[in-house]
Protein backbone atom coordinates (compact mmCIF):
# COMPACT_ATOMS: atom_id res chain seq x y z
CA MET A 1 55.41 172.17 111.62
CA ASP A 2 58.40 172.93 113.58
CA LYS A 3 60.70 175.64 112.42
CA GLU A 4 63.93 174.20 111.29
CA LYS A 5 66.98 175.78 112.84
CA PHE A 6 69.86 176.61 110.53
CA LEU A 7 73.54 177.47 111.33
CA LYS A 8 75.94 179.92 109.66
CA ILE A 9 79.51 178.79 109.51
CA SER A 10 82.19 181.06 108.09
CA TYR A 11 83.95 180.04 104.86
CA GLY A 12 87.24 180.45 106.75
CA ILE A 13 86.28 177.53 109.05
CA LEU A 14 85.04 175.53 106.04
CA ALA A 15 88.32 176.06 103.93
CA ASP A 16 90.66 175.45 106.90
CA GLU A 17 92.62 172.30 105.86
CA ASN A 18 93.97 172.06 109.46
CA LEU A 19 90.31 170.89 110.29
CA THR A 20 88.70 167.53 109.94
CA PRO A 21 85.18 167.29 108.62
CA SER A 22 84.18 166.09 112.10
CA GLU A 23 85.96 169.10 113.72
CA LYS A 24 83.98 171.46 111.44
CA LEU A 25 80.76 169.73 112.36
CA VAL A 26 81.47 169.98 116.05
CA TYR A 27 82.39 173.63 115.73
CA ALA A 28 79.04 174.22 113.80
CA PHE A 29 77.25 172.47 116.49
CA VAL A 30 78.79 174.60 119.35
CA CYS A 31 78.13 177.78 117.33
CA GLY A 32 74.44 176.97 117.30
CA PHE A 33 74.19 178.09 120.85
CA LYS A 34 75.18 181.24 122.62
CA ILE A 35 76.75 178.91 125.10
CA CYS A 36 76.83 175.24 124.43
CA TYR A 37 75.90 173.08 127.48
CA ALA A 38 75.29 169.96 125.53
CA SER A 39 76.98 166.79 126.86
CA ILE A 40 79.46 164.88 124.79
CA ARG A 41 76.98 162.22 124.26
CA THR A 42 74.33 164.48 123.04
CA ILE A 43 76.80 166.07 120.41
CA ALA A 44 77.99 162.64 119.37
CA THR A 45 74.51 161.24 118.90
CA THR A 46 73.38 164.36 116.90
CA LEU A 47 76.42 164.31 114.61
CA GLY A 48 76.69 160.61 114.29
CA ILE A 49 80.16 160.32 115.50
CA SER A 50 81.75 158.67 118.65
CA GLU A 51 82.11 160.45 121.96
CA ARG A 52 85.79 159.93 121.96
CA GLN A 53 85.95 161.80 118.62
CA VAL A 54 83.67 164.67 119.95
CA VAL A 55 86.33 164.95 122.88
CA ARG A 56 89.22 165.10 120.46
CA CYS A 57 87.47 167.72 118.26
CA LEU A 58 86.60 170.01 121.06
CA LYS A 59 90.19 169.90 122.40
CA LYS A 60 91.62 170.75 119.02
CA LEU A 61 89.13 173.59 118.48
CA VAL A 62 90.06 174.97 121.80
CA LYS A 63 93.85 174.59 121.04
CA LEU A 64 93.40 176.47 117.75
CA GLY A 65 91.39 179.27 119.43
CA TYR A 66 88.10 178.65 117.56
CA ILE A 67 86.01 177.97 120.72
CA ARG A 68 86.83 178.26 124.38
CA GLU A 69 85.55 176.51 127.56
CA VAL A 70 83.34 178.44 129.67
CA LYS A 71 83.20 178.20 133.39
CA THR A 72 80.12 176.81 134.82
CA ASP A 73 78.81 176.17 138.41
CA GLN A 74 78.52 172.54 137.45
CA ARG A 75 81.16 169.78 136.98
CA THR A 76 80.22 169.78 133.26
CA LYS A 77 82.01 171.90 130.67
CA ALA A 78 80.40 174.34 128.24
CA TYR A 79 81.86 175.84 125.18
CA LYS A 80 81.34 179.13 123.29
CA ARG A 81 82.65 180.33 119.98
CA ASN A 82 85.54 182.90 120.17
CA GLU A 83 84.61 186.14 118.61
C-alpha cells in the first residue's frame, strides 16, 4: 500500500478572504514540493480545474507574495512558497 502524502497549509491562507478556493488549492499544491516543477496541465488535472484558472491562480499568488517564481535552466516556470 502506498503511503499517502499530506499537505500542511497555514490557517492564515485558509482564512484569507482575498483568495478563492481554487487559489488556496493551487497554493497547497505548490507547497507540497520544495520547488514545484509541475506543469500547468498537471496541476489542473490533479486539482480538477482548468489550465487557464491555474495560470490565473499562480499569477495572483505571486502578486500577493505567497509564492515566487524560481529561475530554471528550462523554458518552464517553477514555483516555491515564500518563507
